[in-house]
Amino acid sequence: MSVIRAFIAVNLTQDIQHRLDEVIGAYKNHLAGVPIRWVPATNIHLTLKFLGDVSLTNLEILTKILQTEVASHRPFEISVGGSGAFPSPRRPRVIWVGVEAPLELSTVQSGIENAMAHIGYAREEREFSPHLTLGRVSRNADSQDTRLISKALDTVKVGFLGATCVQEVFLYRSDLQPSGAIYTPIFSAMLGG
């Protein structure tokens, strides 16, 4: 049985990606030598649901369910800006930029979560927290690295980076390569039918 790694996400504009690249550059200047895997700006997206392994035989039913779910929602606007770390700036594992959105985003996300659970994909244990991952801190990071990251989070001020209207949601294939992940959109579902 053939499988692919897949996730469902919202795309960002090239302008927002360019500004995210500038933010990553600012963090890199403060954190040279700190073991962080930075995400290429062209790979940054707003993940709504990580699916993991998806059987190619299930792809047709999955895309039909995704289209039906997403079509019942109207397009909406999201704003990008601010930054932080999960689980906290004092114990950083993931460095992120924030996403502000109307309730519609959470409604779309929970609808997708429920629809995917009905066809066997595990529910996310954590509550949905819209964000854009800039970098992942290595497990090899020591207490000095953690202090440097916390300081950089205080120093690098990330204001408003842009807004975009969400009109479609994408199903992505993720291929892990030695040079990093390659994300390929394989289906798009339009909001509002």
N, C-alpha and C. Protein backbone atom coordinates (compact mmCIF):
# COMPACT_ATOMS: atom_id res chain seq x y z
N MET A 1 0.85 -1.19 0.00
CA MET A 1 0.00 0.00 0.00
C MET A 1 0.89 1.24 0.00
N SER A 2 0.66 2.14 -0.93
CA SER A 2 1.43 3.38 -1.01
C SER A 2 0.85 4.44 -0.10
N VAL A 3 1.73 5.13 0.63
CA VAL A 3 1.29 6.20 1.51
C VAL A 3 2.14 7.46 1.28
N ILE A 4 1.55 8.59 1.61
CA ILE A 4 2.28 9.85 1.60
C ILE A 4 2.08 10.50 2.96
N ARG A 5 3.03 11.37 3.36
CA ARG A 5 2.84 12.21 4.55
C ARG A 5 2.08 13.43 4.07
N ALA A 6 1.06 13.83 4.84
CA ALA A 6 0.23 14.93 4.37
C ALA A 6 -0.26 15.80 5.52
N PHE A 7 -0.63 17.04 5.16
CA PHE A 7 -1.22 17.96 6.12
C PHE A 7 -2.13 18.93 5.37
N ILE A 8 -3.00 19.59 6.11
CA ILE A 8 -3.94 20.56 5.55
C ILE A 8 -3.55 21.94 6.09
N ALA A 9 -3.46 22.92 5.18
CA ALA A 9 -2.96 24.23 5.59
C ALA A 9 -3.51 25.36 4.74
N VAL A 10 -3.27 26.57 5.23
CA VAL A 10 -3.60 27.81 4.52
C VAL A 10 -2.29 28.40 4.00
N ASN A 11 -2.29 28.82 2.74
CA ASN A 11 -1.11 29.46 2.14
C ASN A 11 -1.00 30.91 2.57
N LEU A 12 0.20 31.44 2.47
CA LEU A 12 0.46 32.86 2.74
C LEU A 12 0.86 33.55 1.44
N THR A 13 0.71 34.86 1.39
CA THR A 13 1.14 35.60 0.21
C THR A 13 2.66 35.65 0.16
N GLN A 14 3.20 35.89 -1.04
CA GLN A 14 4.66 36.03 -1.18
C GLN A 14 5.17 37.20 -0.36
N ASP A 15 4.38 38.27 -0.27
CA ASP A 15 4.77 39.45 0.51
C ASP A 15 4.95 39.08 1.98
N ILE A 16 4.01 38.32 2.53
CA ILE A 16 4.12 37.90 3.94
C ILE A 16 5.32 36.96 4.09
N GLN A 17 5.50 36.04 3.14
CA GLN A 17 6.66 35.14 3.22
C GLN A 17 7.97 35.92 3.20
N HIS A 18 8.04 36.97 2.38
CA HIS A 18 9.25 37.80 2.32
C HIS A 18 9.50 38.46 3.68
N ARG A 19 8.44 38.97 4.30
CA ARG A 19 8.60 39.61 5.62
C ARG A 19 8.98 38.59 6.69
N LEU A 20 8.45 37.38 6.59
CA LEU A 20 8.83 36.32 7.52
C LEU A 20 10.31 35.98 7.35
N ASP A 21 10.78 35.98 6.11
CA ASP A 21 12.19 35.71 5.83
C ASP A 21 13.07 36.77 6.50
N GLU A 22 12.63 38.03 6.48
CA GLU A 22 13.37 39.11 7.15
C GLU A 22 13.40 38.89 8.66
N VAL A 23 12.27 38.43 9.23
CA VAL A 23 12.22 38.16 10.67
C VAL A 23 13.17 37.02 11.02
N ILE A 24 13.17 35.96 10.22
CA ILE A 24 14.08 34.83 10.45
C ILE A 24 15.53 35.34 10.39
N GLY A 25 15.83 36.21 9.43
CA GLY A 25 17.17 36.77 9.31
C GLY A 25 17.57 37.53 10.56
N ALA A 26 16.63 38.30 11.12
CA ALA A 26 16.91 39.06 12.35
C ALA A 26 17.19 38.10 13.51
N TYR A 27 16.39 37.05 13.63
CA TYR A 27 16.64 36.06 14.69
C TYR A 27 17.98 35.36 14.48
N LYS A 28 18.29 35.01 13.24
CA LYS A 28 19.57 34.34 12.97
C LYS A 28 20.75 35.21 13.38
N ASN A 29 20.64 36.53 13.16
CA ASN A 29 21.72 37.44 13.56
C ASN A 29 21.97 37.39 15.06
N HIS A 30 20.90 37.24 15.83
CA HIS A 30 21.02 37.19 17.30
C HIS A 30 21.37 35.80 17.80
N LEU A 31 21.12 34.78 16.98
CA LEU A 31 21.22 33.40 17.47
C LEU A 31 22.21 32.54 16.67
N ALA A 32 23.24 33.19 16.13
CA ALA A 32 24.26 32.45 15.38
C ALA A 32 24.89 31.40 16.32
N GLY A 33 24.96 30.18 15.86
CA GLY A 33 25.57 29.12 16.66
C GLY A 33 24.60 28.37 17.56
N VAL A 34 23.41 28.92 17.75
CA VAL A 34 22.40 28.23 18.57
C VAL A 34 21.73 27.16 17.68
N PRO A 35 21.62 25.92 18.19
CA PRO A 35 21.08 24.85 17.34
C PRO A 35 19.56 24.97 17.13
N ILE A 36 19.21 25.66 16.03
CA ILE A 36 17.81 25.85 15.66
C ILE A 36 17.68 25.46 14.19
N ARG A 37 16.65 24.65 13.87
CA ARG A 37 16.34 24.32 12.47
C ARG A 37 15.34 25.37 11.98
N TRP A 38 15.81 26.29 11.16
CA TRP A 38 14.95 27.35 10.64
C TRP A 38 14.13 26.83 9.46
N VAL A 39 12.89 27.25 9.38
CA VAL A 39 12.01 26.85 8.28
C VAL A 39 12.21 27.83 7.13
N PRO A 40 12.48 27.35 5.91
CA PRO A 40 12.56 28.29 4.78
C PRO A 40 11.22 29.04 4.65
N ALA A 41 11.28 30.34 4.43
CA ALA A 41 10.05 31.15 4.40
C ALA A 41 9.04 30.63 3.37
N THR A 42 9.54 30.06 2.27
CA THR A 42 8.63 29.54 1.25
C THR A 42 7.87 28.30 1.74
N ASN A 43 8.33 27.68 2.81
CA ASN A 43 7.66 26.50 3.39
C ASN A 43 6.72 26.88 4.54
N ILE A 44 6.68 28.15 4.92
CA ILE A 44 5.85 28.54 6.06
C ILE A 44 4.40 28.69 5.63
N HIS A 45 3.52 28.08 6.39
CA HIS A 45 2.09 28.08 6.11
C HIS A 45 1.37 27.96 7.45
N LEU A 46 0.07 28.17 7.45
CA LEU A 46 -0.74 28.02 8.64
C LEU A 46 -1.35 26.61 8.63
N THR A 47 -0.79 25.72 9.44
CA THR A 47 -1.28 24.34 9.48
C THR A 47 -2.61 24.26 10.22
N LEU A 48 -3.58 23.62 9.58
CA LEU A 48 -4.89 23.40 10.21
C LEU A 48 -5.01 21.97 10.75
N LYS A 49 -4.36 21.03 10.07
CA LYS A 49 -4.43 19.63 10.50
C LYS A 49 -3.26 18.85 9.92
N PHE A 50 -2.44 18.26 10.80
CA PHE A 50 -1.39 17.34 10.35
C PHE A 50 -2.01 15.96 10.29
N LEU A 51 -1.95 15.32 9.14
CA LEU A 51 -2.57 14.01 8.96
C LEU A 51 -1.58 12.87 9.18
N GLY A 52 -0.30 13.09 8.86
CA GLY A 52 0.66 12.00 8.92
C GLY A 52 0.55 11.15 7.67
N ASP A 53 0.62 9.84 7.85
CA ASP A 53 0.57 8.94 6.70
C ASP A 53 -0.85 8.82 6.15
N VAL A 54 -0.98 9.04 4.84
CA VAL A 54 -2.26 8.96 4.15
C VAL A 54 -2.10 7.94 3.02
N SER A 55 -2.99 6.96 3.02
CA SER A 55 -2.98 5.96 1.95
C SER A 55 -3.46 6.62 0.66
N LEU A 56 -2.78 6.34 -0.43
CA LEU A 56 -3.19 6.89 -1.72
C LEU A 56 -4.59 6.42 -2.11
N THR A 57 -4.98 5.24 -1.63
CA THR A 57 -6.33 4.75 -1.93
C THR A 57 -7.40 5.56 -1.19
N ASN A 58 -7.03 6.24 -0.10
CA ASN A 58 -7.99 7.06 0.65
C ASN A 58 -8.03 8.51 0.19
N LEU A 59 -7.16 8.87 -0.74
CA LEU A 59 -7.02 10.27 -1.13
C LEU A 59 -8.32 10.85 -1.70
N GLU A 60 -9.02 10.10 -2.53
CA GLU A 60 -10.24 10.62 -3.15
C GLU A 60 -11.31 10.93 -2.11
N ILE A 61 -11.53 10.02 -1.17
CA ILE A 61 -12.55 10.25 -0.13
C ILE A 61 -12.13 11.41 0.77
N LEU A 62 -10.84 11.47 1.09
CA LEU A 62 -10.33 12.55 1.94
C LEU A 62 -10.56 13.91 1.28
N THR A 63 -10.25 14.03 0.00
CA THR A 63 -10.42 15.32 -0.68
C THR A 63 -11.89 15.69 -0.81
N LYS A 64 -12.76 14.72 -1.03
CA LYS A 64 -14.21 15.01 -1.11
C LYS A 64 -14.72 15.52 0.23
N ILE A 65 -14.32 14.87 1.31
CA ILE A 65 -14.75 15.30 2.65
C ILE A 65 -14.19 16.68 2.97
N LEU A 66 -12.94 16.93 2.62
CA LEU A 66 -12.33 18.24 2.86
C LEU A 66 -13.08 19.32 2.08
N GLN A 67 -13.38 19.07 0.80
CA GLN A 67 -14.10 20.05 -0.01
C GLN A 67 -15.48 20.35 0.57
N THR A 68 -16.20 19.32 0.98
CA THR A 68 -17.53 19.50 1.56
C THR A 68 -17.46 20.33 2.84
N GLU A 69 -16.50 20.02 3.69
CA GLU A 69 -16.37 20.74 4.96
C GLU A 69 -16.01 22.21 4.74
N VAL A 70 -15.02 22.46 3.91
CA VAL A 70 -14.53 23.83 3.70
C VAL A 70 -15.56 24.69 2.96
N ALA A 71 -16.33 24.08 2.05
CA ALA A 71 -17.30 24.83 1.25
C ALA A 71 -18.40 25.47 2.11
N SER A 72 -18.61 24.95 3.31
CA SER A 72 -19.68 25.47 4.16
C SER A 72 -19.26 26.74 4.92
N HIS A 73 -18.04 27.22 4.70
CA HIS A 73 -17.54 28.41 5.40
C HIS A 73 -17.25 29.54 4.42
N ARG A 74 -17.45 30.77 4.87
CA ARG A 74 -17.16 31.95 4.05
C ARG A 74 -15.67 32.30 4.15
N PRO A 75 -15.12 32.92 3.09
CA PRO A 75 -13.75 33.43 3.18
C PRO A 75 -13.62 34.44 4.32
N PHE A 76 -12.40 34.58 4.84
CA PHE A 76 -12.16 35.50 5.96
C PHE A 76 -10.71 35.98 5.87
N GLU A 77 -10.40 37.01 6.63
CA GLU A 77 -9.05 37.58 6.61
C GLU A 77 -8.28 37.21 7.87
N ILE A 78 -6.97 36.95 7.69
CA ILE A 78 -6.08 36.73 8.82
C ILE A 78 -4.99 37.79 8.79
N SER A 79 -4.49 38.16 9.96
CA SER A 79 -3.38 39.10 10.10
C SER A 79 -2.20 38.37 10.72
N VAL A 80 -1.00 38.73 10.29
CA VAL A 80 0.22 38.08 10.76
C VAL A 80 1.09 39.10 11.48
N GLY A 81 1.57 38.74 12.68
CA GLY A 81 2.46 39.63 13.41
C GLY A 81 2.67 39.17 14.83
N GLY A 82 3.65 39.77 15.49
CA GLY A 82 4.00 39.37 16.85
C GLY A 82 4.77 38.06 16.83
N SER A 83 5.48 37.78 17.90
CA SER A 83 6.23 36.51 17.93
C SER A 83 6.30 35.98 19.35
N GLY A 84 6.71 34.74 19.46
CA GLY A 84 6.83 34.10 20.76
C GLY A 84 7.43 32.72 20.60
N ALA A 85 7.26 31.91 21.64
CA ALA A 85 7.81 30.56 21.62
C ALA A 85 6.88 29.61 22.37
N PHE A 86 6.86 28.37 21.92
CA PHE A 86 6.15 27.30 22.63
C PHE A 86 7.20 26.43 23.31
N PRO A 87 6.97 25.90 24.51
CA PRO A 87 5.80 26.17 25.33
C PRO A 87 5.82 27.54 25.99
N SER A 88 7.03 28.17 26.09
CA SER A 88 7.12 29.53 26.64
C SER A 88 8.45 30.14 26.22
N PRO A 89 8.57 31.47 26.29
CA PRO A 89 9.85 32.10 25.94
C PRO A 89 11.00 31.66 26.86
N ARG A 90 10.70 31.20 28.06
CA ARG A 90 11.76 30.76 28.97
C ARG A 90 12.14 29.30 28.74
N ARG A 91 11.28 28.55 28.05
CA ARG A 91 11.56 27.15 27.71
C ARG A 91 11.23 26.93 26.22
N PRO A 92 11.92 27.63 25.34
CA PRO A 92 11.54 27.61 23.92
C PRO A 92 11.87 26.29 23.22
N ARG A 93 10.88 25.73 22.53
CA ARG A 93 11.10 24.57 21.66
C ARG A 93 10.78 24.97 20.21
N VAL A 94 9.77 25.86 20.05
CA VAL A 94 9.36 26.33 18.73
C VAL A 94 9.29 27.86 18.78
N ILE A 95 9.92 28.52 17.81
CA ILE A 95 9.83 29.98 17.68
C ILE A 95 8.79 30.26 16.60
N TRP A 96 7.84 31.14 16.91
CA TRP A 96 6.71 31.36 16.00
C TRP A 96 6.38 32.84 15.83
N VAL A 97 5.62 33.10 14.76
CA VAL A 97 4.97 34.39 14.53
C VAL A 97 3.48 34.13 14.66
N GLY A 98 2.77 35.09 15.25
CA GLY A 98 1.36 34.91 15.54
C GLY A 98 0.44 35.17 14.36
N VAL A 99 -0.77 34.63 14.48
CA VAL A 99 -1.82 34.83 13.48
C VAL A 99 -3.08 35.27 14.23
N GLU A 100 -3.63 36.39 13.81
CA GLU A 100 -4.90 36.84 14.36
C GLU A 100 -5.96 36.60 13.31
N ALA A 101 -7.10 36.06 13.76
CA ALA A 101 -8.15 35.72 12.80
C ALA A 101 -9.50 35.78 13.50
N PRO A 102 -10.56 35.94 12.72
CA PRO A 102 -11.90 35.89 13.31
C PRO A 102 -12.22 34.45 13.74
N LEU A 103 -13.31 34.30 14.45
CA LEU A 103 -13.76 33.00 14.92
C LEU A 103 -13.88 31.99 13.78
N GLU A 104 -14.11 32.48 12.58
CA GLU A 104 -14.28 31.60 11.42
C GLU A 104 -13.09 30.65 11.23
N LEU A 105 -11.87 31.13 11.53
CA LEU A 105 -10.70 30.25 11.38
C LEU A 105 -10.81 29.04 12.31
N SER A 106 -11.15 29.28 13.57
CA SER A 106 -11.29 28.17 14.52
C SER A 106 -12.43 27.24 14.11
N THR A 107 -13.49 27.83 13.56
CA THR A 107 -14.64 27.02 13.11
C THR A 107 -14.24 26.12 11.94
N VAL A 108 -13.49 26.68 10.99
CA VAL A 108 -13.00 25.89 9.86
C VAL A 108 -12.07 24.78 10.36
N GLN A 109 -11.14 25.15 11.25
CA GLN A 109 -10.17 24.17 11.75
C GLN A 109 -10.87 23.04 12.51
N SER A 110 -11.81 23.38 13.39
CA SER A 110 -12.48 22.31 14.15
C SER A 110 -13.36 21.45 13.25
N GLY A 111 -13.95 22.06 12.22
CA GLY A 111 -14.72 21.27 11.25
C GLY A 111 -13.84 20.27 10.52
N ILE A 112 -12.64 20.71 10.12
CA ILE A 112 -11.69 19.81 9.45
C ILE A 112 -11.24 18.73 10.42
N GLU A 113 -10.92 19.13 11.66
CA GLU A 113 -10.50 18.16 12.69
C GLU A 113 -11.56 17.07 12.87
N ASN A 114 -12.82 17.47 13.00
CA ASN A 114 -13.92 16.50 13.18
C ASN A 114 -14.12 15.63 11.95
N ALA A 115 -14.08 16.24 10.78
CA ALA A 115 -14.28 15.47 9.54
C ALA A 115 -13.18 14.43 9.36
N MET A 116 -11.94 14.81 9.68
CA MET A 116 -10.82 13.88 9.53
C MET A 116 -10.88 12.77 10.60
N ALA A 117 -11.38 13.11 11.79
CA ALA A 117 -11.53 12.09 12.85
C ALA A 117 -12.54 11.03 12.42
N HIS A 118 -13.57 11.44 11.68
CA HIS A 118 -14.60 10.50 11.22
C HIS A 118 -14.05 9.46 10.25
N ILE A 119 -12.95 9.80 9.57
CA ILE A 119 -12.37 8.82 8.64
C ILE A 119 -11.07 8.23 9.17
N GLY A 120 -10.85 8.39 10.49
CA GLY A 120 -9.78 7.63 11.13
C GLY A 120 -8.49 8.36 11.47
N TYR A 121 -8.42 9.66 11.26
CA TYR A 121 -7.21 10.41 11.61
C TYR A 121 -7.31 10.90 13.04
N ALA A 122 -6.28 10.65 13.82
CA ALA A 122 -6.30 10.97 15.25
C ALA A 122 -6.51 12.47 15.47
N ARG A 123 -7.29 12.78 16.49
CA ARG A 123 -7.50 14.18 16.87
C ARG A 123 -6.24 14.74 17.51
N GLU A 124 -6.00 16.02 17.28
CA GLU A 124 -4.88 16.72 17.92
C GLU A 124 -5.22 16.87 19.40
N GLU A 125 -4.27 16.53 20.26
CA GLU A 125 -4.52 16.61 21.70
C GLU A 125 -4.49 18.06 22.20
N ARG A 126 -3.62 18.87 21.60
CA ARG A 126 -3.53 20.27 22.03
C ARG A 126 -4.62 21.10 21.37
N GLU A 127 -5.02 22.15 22.07
CA GLU A 127 -5.99 23.09 21.52
C GLU A 127 -5.35 23.82 20.35
N PHE A 128 -6.15 24.13 19.34
CA PHE A 128 -5.66 24.84 18.15
C PHE A 128 -5.17 26.23 18.55
N SER A 129 -3.94 26.54 18.18
CA SER A 129 -3.34 27.84 18.47
C SER A 129 -2.71 28.33 17.18
N PRO A 130 -3.41 29.19 16.41
CA PRO A 130 -2.89 29.57 15.10
C PRO A 130 -1.54 30.29 15.20
N HIS A 131 -0.55 29.78 14.48
CA HIS A 131 0.80 30.35 14.48
C HIS A 131 1.54 29.89 13.24
N LEU A 132 2.65 30.56 12.96
CA LEU A 132 3.52 30.21 11.84
C LEU A 132 4.88 29.85 12.42
N THR A 133 5.29 28.61 12.25
CA THR A 133 6.56 28.15 12.82
C THR A 133 7.74 28.71 12.02
N LEU A 134 8.64 29.42 12.73
CA LEU A 134 9.85 29.95 12.10
C LEU A 134 11.02 29.00 12.28
N GLY A 135 11.11 28.39 13.46
CA GLY A 135 12.24 27.51 13.74
C GLY A 135 11.95 26.58 14.89
N ARG A 136 12.64 25.44 14.88
CA ARG A 136 12.52 24.45 15.95
C ARG A 136 13.86 24.32 16.66
N VAL A 137 13.82 24.49 17.98
CA VAL A 137 15.04 24.44 18.79
C VAL A 137 15.46 22.98 18.95
N SER A 138 16.72 22.71 18.70
CA SER A 138 17.25 21.35 18.81
C SER A 138 17.22 20.86 20.26
N ARG A 139 17.08 19.56 20.41
CA ARG A 139 17.15 18.95 21.74
C ARG A 139 18.55 19.13 22.35
N ASN A 140 19.53 19.41 21.49
CA ASN A 140 20.91 19.61 21.95
C ASN A 140 21.14 21.00 22.54
N ALA A 141 20.14 21.87 22.48
CA ALA A 141 20.30 23.23 23.01
C ALA A 141 20.51 23.15 24.53
N ASP A 142 21.49 23.92 25.03
CA ASP A 142 21.76 23.92 26.47
C ASP A 142 21.14 25.17 27.12
N SER A 143 21.39 25.34 28.42
CA SER A 143 20.79 26.46 29.15
C SER A 143 21.27 27.81 28.63
N GLN A 144 22.51 27.88 28.18
CA GLN A 144 23.02 29.13 27.59
C GLN A 144 22.26 29.44 26.30
N ASP A 145 22.02 28.43 25.46
CA ASP A 145 21.24 28.62 24.23
C ASP A 145 19.84 29.12 24.56
N THR A 146 19.23 28.53 25.57
CA THR A 146 17.88 28.91 25.98
C THR A 146 17.84 30.38 26.40
N ARG A 147 18.85 30.80 27.17
CA ARG A 147 18.92 32.22 27.59
C ARG A 147 19.05 33.14 26.37
N LEU A 148 19.88 32.74 25.41
CA LEU A 148 20.07 33.55 24.20
C LEU A 148 18.76 33.66 23.41
N ILE A 149 18.03 32.55 23.31
CA ILE A 149 16.75 32.57 22.59
C ILE A 149 15.77 33.49 23.30
N SER A 150 15.66 33.37 24.62
CA SER A 150 14.76 34.23 25.39
C SER A 150 15.10 35.70 25.19
N LYS A 151 16.39 36.00 25.19
CA LYS A 151 16.84 37.39 25.00
C LYS A 151 16.48 37.87 23.59
N ALA A 152 16.69 37.01 22.58
CA ALA A 152 16.36 37.38 21.20
C ALA A 152 14.87 37.63 21.04
N LEU A 153 14.04 36.82 21.73
CA LEU A 153 12.59 37.02 21.66
C LEU A 153 12.19 38.38 22.24
N ASP A 154 12.93 38.84 23.24
CA ASP A 154 12.69 40.18 23.81
C ASP A 154 13.22 41.29 22.91
N THR A 155 14.33 41.02 22.23
CA THR A 155 15.03 42.05 21.45
C THR A 155 14.41 42.27 20.07
N VAL A 156 14.12 41.17 19.36
CA VAL A 156 13.58 41.28 18.01
C VAL A 156 12.08 41.59 18.11
N LYS A 157 11.73 42.80 17.75
CA LYS A 157 10.32 43.22 17.81
C LYS A 157 9.65 42.92 16.48
N VAL A 158 8.64 42.09 16.51
CA VAL A 158 7.93 41.71 15.29
C VAL A 158 6.56 42.37 15.31
N GLY A 159 6.40 43.37 14.46
CA GLY A 159 5.12 44.07 14.37
C GLY A 159 4.21 43.40 13.36
N PHE A 160 3.29 44.17 12.82
CA PHE A 160 2.35 43.68 11.81
C PHE A 160 3.10 43.37 10.52
N LEU A 161 2.96 42.14 10.02
CA LEU A 161 3.67 41.71 8.82
C LEU A 161 2.79 41.65 7.58
N GLY A 162 1.48 41.75 7.77
CA GLY A 162 0.58 41.71 6.62
C GLY A 162 -0.69 40.96 6.93
N ALA A 163 -1.61 41.04 5.98
CA ALA A 163 -2.90 40.35 6.10
C ALA A 163 -3.21 39.70 4.76
N THR A 164 -4.02 38.67 4.82
CA THR A 164 -4.43 38.01 3.58
C THR A 164 -5.84 37.44 3.76
N CYS A 165 -6.55 37.38 2.66
CA CYS A 165 -7.89 36.80 2.67
C CYS A 165 -7.76 35.30 2.40
N VAL A 166 -8.29 34.50 3.31
CA VAL A 166 -8.26 33.05 3.15
C VAL A 166 -9.47 32.64 2.33
N GLN A 167 -9.21 32.17 1.12
CA GLN A 167 -10.28 31.75 0.22
C GLN A 167 -10.25 30.27 -0.10
N GLU A 168 -9.12 29.63 0.23
CA GLU A 168 -9.01 28.20 -0.02
C GLU A 168 -8.07 27.56 0.99
N VAL A 169 -8.22 26.27 1.14
CA VAL A 169 -7.42 25.46 2.05
C VAL A 169 -6.77 24.37 1.20
N PHE A 170 -5.51 24.07 1.50
CA PHE A 170 -4.75 23.14 0.66
C PHE A 170 -4.43 21.85 1.40
N LEU A 171 -4.45 20.75 0.66
CA LEU A 171 -3.91 19.47 1.13
C LEU A 171 -2.50 19.38 0.54
N TYR A 172 -1.52 19.25 1.43
CA TYR A 172 -0.12 19.19 1.01
C TYR A 172 0.45 17.81 1.21
N ARG A 173 1.33 17.45 0.30
CA ARG A 173 2.17 16.26 0.46
C ARG A 173 3.50 16.76 1.02
N SER A 174 4.06 16.04 1.98
CA SER A 174 5.33 16.40 2.59
C SER A 174 6.34 15.29 2.33
N ASP A 175 7.40 15.63 1.60
CA ASP A 175 8.47 14.67 1.33
C ASP A 175 9.72 15.11 2.08
N LEU A 176 10.17 14.27 3.01
CA LEU A 176 11.34 14.61 3.81
C LEU A 176 12.60 14.26 3.04
N GLN A 177 13.47 15.26 2.87
CA GLN A 177 14.73 15.11 2.16
C GLN A 177 15.87 15.47 3.12
N PRO A 178 17.10 15.04 2.85
CA PRO A 178 18.22 15.43 3.70
C PRO A 178 18.36 16.95 3.82
N SER A 179 17.97 17.68 2.76
CA SER A 179 18.09 19.14 2.76
C SER A 179 16.89 19.82 3.44
N GLY A 180 15.89 19.03 3.83
CA GLY A 180 14.68 19.58 4.46
C GLY A 180 13.44 19.08 3.76
N ALA A 181 12.29 19.45 4.30
CA ALA A 181 11.02 18.98 3.73
C ALA A 181 10.67 19.73 2.45
N ILE A 182 10.07 18.99 1.52
CA ILE A 182 9.52 19.59 0.30
C ILE A 182 8.02 19.42 0.37
N TYR A 183 7.29 20.55 0.30
CA TYR A 183 5.83 20.55 0.40
C TYR A 183 5.24 20.79 -0.99
N THR A 184 4.35 19.88 -1.38
CA THR A 184 3.71 19.99 -2.69
C THR A 184 2.20 20.01 -2.52
N PRO A 185 1.53 21.08 -2.97
CA PRO A 185 0.07 21.10 -2.88
C PRO A 185 -0.52 20.07 -3.85
N ILE A 186 -1.42 19.22 -3.34
CA ILE A 186 -2.01 18.21 -4.22
C ILE A 186 -3.52 18.38 -4.38
N PHE A 187 -4.11 19.29 -3.58
CA PHE A 187 -5.55 19.55 -3.71
C PHE A 187 -5.86 20.86 -3.02
N SER A 188 -6.81 21.62 -3.59
CA SER A 188 -7.26 22.83 -2.90
C SER A 188 -8.78 22.81 -2.82
N ALA A 189 -9.28 23.22 -1.66
CA ALA A 189 -10.72 23.27 -1.41
C ALA A 189 -11.10 24.73 -1.20
N MET A 190 -12.08 25.21 -1.97
CA MET A 190 -12.50 26.61 -1.89
C MET A 190 -13.50 26.82 -0.76
N LEU A 191 -13.28 27.89 0.00
CA LEU A 191 -14.26 28.28 0.99
C LEU A 191 -15.48 28.86 0.26
N GLY A 192 -16.64 28.68 0.84
CA GLY A 192 -17.86 29.22 0.25
C GLY A 192 -18.30 28.51 -1.01
N GLY A 193 -17.78 27.30 -1.21
CA GLY A 193 -18.22 26.50 -2.35
C GLY A 193 -17.50 26.86 -3.62
